[in-house]
N, C-alpha and C. Protein backbone atom coordinates (compact mmCIF):
# COMPACT_ATOMS: atom_id res chain seq x y z
N ARG A 1 25.12 210.88 106.69
CA ARG A 1 26.26 210.39 107.00
C ARG A 1 25.64 209.52 108.45
N THR A 2 26.31 208.41 108.92
CA THR A 2 25.79 207.96 109.79
C THR A 2 27.17 207.44 110.90
N MET A 3 26.89 206.82 111.90
CA MET A 3 27.52 206.38 113.21
C MET A 3 28.97 205.69 112.74
N GLN A 4 28.52 205.01 111.73
CA GLN A 4 29.62 204.22 111.14
C GLN A 4 30.41 204.78 110.14
N GLU A 5 32.21 204.93 110.17
CA GLU A 5 32.92 205.63 109.49
C GLU A 5 32.69 205.19 108.19
N ASN A 6 32.44 206.43 107.17
CA ASN A 6 32.67 206.29 105.64
C ASN A 6 31.31 205.40 105.31
N LEU A 7 30.65 205.70 106.40
CA LEU A 7 29.14 204.84 105.53
C LEU A 7 28.05 205.85 105.55
N TRP A 8 27.06 206.11 104.54
CA TRP A 8 26.54 207.18 104.32
C TRP A 8 25.10 206.12 103.79
N LEU A 9 23.93 206.94 104.20
CA LEU A 9 22.79 206.32 103.94
C LEU A 9 22.01 207.55 103.58
N LEU A 10 21.15 206.71 102.21
CA LEU A 10 20.13 207.98 101.53
C LEU A 10 18.94 207.01 101.43
N PRO A 11 18.23 207.72 102.53
CA PRO A 11 16.38 207.11 103.02
C PRO A 11 15.78 206.94 101.35
N GLY A 12 14.86 206.24 101.38
CA GLY A 12 14.51 206.03 100.24
C GLY A 12 12.72 207.54 100.17
N GLY A 13 12.97 207.95 101.09
CA GLY A 13 11.70 208.85 101.11
C GLY A 13 10.39 208.37 101.07
N PRO A 14 9.15 209.30 100.93
CA PRO A 14 8.13 209.15 101.19
C PRO A 14 7.39 207.69 100.06
N VAL A 15 6.35 207.36 100.17
CA VAL A 15 6.12 206.15 99.46
C VAL A 15 5.68 206.68 98.10
N VAL A 16 5.70 206.64 96.66
CA VAL A 16 5.03 207.26 95.80
C VAL A 16 4.23 205.89 95.22
N VAL A 17 2.83 206.51 94.41
CA VAL A 17 2.12 206.03 93.66
C VAL A 17 2.71 204.68 92.59
N ASN A 18 3.91 205.28 91.96
CA ASN A 18 4.24 204.29 90.97
C ASN A 18 5.83 204.42 90.72
N PRO A 19 6.92 203.59 91.90
CA PRO A 19 7.79 203.30 92.32
C PRO A 19 8.84 202.71 90.90
N SER A 20 8.08 202.31 89.96
CA SER A 20 8.72 201.78 88.82
C SER A 20 8.77 202.89 87.87
N GLU A 21 8.08 203.74 87.76
CA GLU A 21 8.87 205.00 86.92
C GLU A 21 9.85 205.91 87.55
N LEU A 22 9.70 206.09 89.18
CA LEU A 22 10.79 206.66 89.62
C LEU A 22 12.20 206.11 89.31
N LEU A 23 12.50 204.53 89.66
CA LEU A 23 13.14 203.72 89.90
C LEU A 23 14.15 203.70 88.68
N GLY A 24 13.35 203.59 87.09
CA GLY A 24 13.40 203.56 86.12
C GLY A 24 13.62 205.16 85.10
N SER A 25 13.78 205.96 85.87
CA SER A 25 13.96 207.81 85.60
C SER A 25 15.31 207.58 84.79
N GLU A 26 15.37 208.42 84.33
CA GLU A 26 16.93 209.24 83.35
C GLU A 26 17.45 209.76 84.61
N ARG A 27 16.31 210.77 85.82
CA ARG A 27 17.21 211.06 87.31
C ARG A 27 17.91 209.88 87.87
N MET A 28 17.18 209.01 88.01
CA MET A 28 17.52 208.23 89.17
C MET A 28 18.75 207.56 88.56
N LYS A 29 19.08 207.12 86.94
CA LYS A 29 20.36 206.68 86.60
C LYS A 29 21.36 207.87 86.76
N GLN A 30 21.03 209.28 86.69
CA GLN A 30 22.18 210.33 86.76
C GLN A 30 22.66 210.52 88.36
N LEU A 31 21.80 210.14 89.29
CA LEU A 31 21.70 210.27 90.60
C LEU A 31 22.95 208.84 91.01
N HIS A 32 22.39 207.73 90.65
CA HIS A 32 23.56 206.61 90.49
C HIS A 32 25.00 206.91 89.89
N GLU A 33 25.43 207.66 88.87
CA GLU A 33 25.85 207.84 88.33
C GLU A 33 26.76 208.96 89.25
N GLN A 34 26.12 209.88 89.60
CA GLN A 34 26.93 211.06 90.69
C GLN A 34 27.03 210.15 91.58
N LEU A 35 26.80 209.25 92.73
CA LEU A 35 26.98 208.53 93.25
C LEU A 35 28.13 207.53 93.03
N LYS A 36 28.69 206.95 92.32
CA LYS A 36 29.59 206.38 91.87
C LYS A 36 31.10 206.98 91.98
N GLU A 37 30.37 208.04 91.41
CA GLU A 37 31.94 209.31 91.15
C GLU A 37 32.21 209.64 92.66
N ARG A 38 31.63 209.51 93.84
CA ARG A 38 31.73 210.13 95.35
C ARG A 38 32.46 208.96 96.12
N VAL A 39 31.78 207.73 96.18
CA VAL A 39 31.97 206.95 97.00
C VAL A 39 32.30 205.44 96.06
N ASP A 40 33.12 204.69 97.02
CA ASP A 40 33.19 203.21 96.46
C ASP A 40 32.36 202.21 96.10
N TYR A 41 31.39 202.17 96.75
CA TYR A 41 30.20 201.53 96.20
C TYR A 41 28.94 201.72 96.64
N VAL A 42 27.94 201.30 95.90
CA VAL A 42 26.49 202.04 96.24
C VAL A 42 25.87 200.86 95.97
N LEU A 43 25.00 200.79 97.34
CA LEU A 43 24.05 199.54 97.26
C LEU A 43 22.61 200.08 97.28
N PHE A 44 21.99 199.35 96.71
CA PHE A 44 19.95 199.39 96.77
C PHE A 44 19.37 198.44 97.72
N ASP A 45 19.08 198.80 98.21
CA ASP A 45 18.03 197.36 98.93
C ASP A 45 16.38 197.54 98.74
N THR A 46 16.33 196.05 97.65
CA THR A 46 15.03 196.88 97.04
C THR A 46 13.85 195.49 97.79
N PRO A 47 12.27 195.71 97.56
CA PRO A 47 11.88 194.49 98.26
C PRO A 47 11.93 192.74 97.37
N SER A 48 11.14 191.96 97.98
CA SER A 48 11.34 191.15 96.91
C SER A 48 11.17 190.86 95.37
N ALA A 49 11.73 190.32 94.74
CA ALA A 49 11.92 190.70 93.02
C ALA A 49 10.69 189.65 93.10
N ILE A 50 10.21 188.71 93.88
CA ILE A 50 9.23 187.66 93.16
C ILE A 50 7.66 188.80 93.30
N ALA A 51 7.53 190.11 93.98
CA ALA A 51 6.50 190.63 94.33
C ALA A 51 6.69 191.81 93.17
N PHE A 52 7.74 192.85 93.26
CA PHE A 52 7.96 193.77 93.11
C PHE A 52 8.69 193.62 92.12
N SER A 53 8.75 194.47 91.05
CA SER A 53 9.40 195.16 89.82
C SER A 53 10.78 195.85 89.98
N ASP A 54 10.88 196.21 91.31
CA ASP A 54 11.54 197.58 91.73
C ASP A 54 13.33 196.77 91.35
N ALA A 55 13.75 195.46 91.97
CA ALA A 55 14.86 195.03 91.55
C ALA A 55 15.43 195.10 90.16
N ALA A 56 14.36 194.40 89.39
CA ALA A 56 14.58 194.38 87.88
C ALA A 56 15.16 195.35 87.15
N ILE A 57 14.22 196.68 87.82
CA ILE A 57 14.22 197.77 87.05
C ILE A 57 15.88 198.67 87.54
N LEU A 58 16.33 198.06 88.46
CA LEU A 58 17.15 198.55 88.87
C LEU A 58 19.03 197.94 88.37
N SER A 59 18.60 196.84 88.07
CA SER A 59 19.53 196.00 87.92
C SER A 59 19.81 196.18 86.40
N SER A 60 18.93 196.82 85.84
CA SER A 60 18.87 196.72 84.24
C SER A 60 20.28 198.20 84.29
N PHE A 61 20.53 199.06 85.11
CA PHE A 61 21.69 200.13 85.08
C PHE A 61 22.80 200.03 86.22
N LEU A 62 22.65 198.64 86.61
CA LEU A 62 23.62 198.93 87.56
C LEU A 62 24.93 197.84 87.95
N ASP A 63 26.03 197.69 88.24
CA ASP A 63 26.88 197.08 87.82
C ASP A 63 26.94 195.59 87.95
N ALA A 64 26.13 195.36 89.66
CA ALA A 64 26.01 193.78 89.77
C ALA A 64 24.84 193.83 90.55
N THR A 65 24.80 192.78 90.89
CA THR A 65 23.21 192.22 91.30
C THR A 65 23.37 191.23 92.09
N VAL A 66 22.95 191.44 93.38
CA VAL A 66 22.87 189.83 94.77
C VAL A 66 21.62 189.84 95.35
N MET A 67 21.72 188.24 95.07
CA MET A 67 20.22 188.71 95.44
C MET A 67 20.17 187.25 96.66
N VAL A 68 19.24 187.69 97.55
CA VAL A 68 19.10 187.16 98.76
C VAL A 68 17.70 185.89 98.83
N ILE A 69 18.29 184.82 98.66
CA ILE A 69 17.28 183.64 98.03
C ILE A 69 16.65 183.16 99.26
N ARG A 70 16.93 182.89 100.49
CA ARG A 70 16.64 182.45 101.24
C ARG A 70 17.27 183.31 102.99
N ALA A 71 16.62 184.04 103.35
CA ALA A 71 16.95 184.94 104.58
C ALA A 71 17.45 184.29 105.41
N ASN A 72 18.22 184.50 106.50
CA ASN A 72 18.68 183.85 107.70
C ASN A 72 19.17 182.17 107.49
N ASN A 73 19.78 181.95 106.05
CA ASN A 73 19.95 180.72 105.85
C ASN A 73 21.38 180.76 105.25
N ILE A 74 22.24 180.10 105.31
CA ILE A 74 23.91 180.14 104.60
C ILE A 74 23.62 179.21 103.14
């Protein structure tokens, strides 16, 4: 839980050697399904989709994707 009412944060934990294997695993999909049963929204924050495959892997099983094209601009 966070200081903001009804907001929970699940930190990523320690850096792993191959995050793409972890993010694309059946266990990650199960975690996502379990979280969806308990909360209204599940948000994943990933590094740049240009430099890393994290966003592409997660988007394969998430309900929606929002891409920030240019930070600090509208």
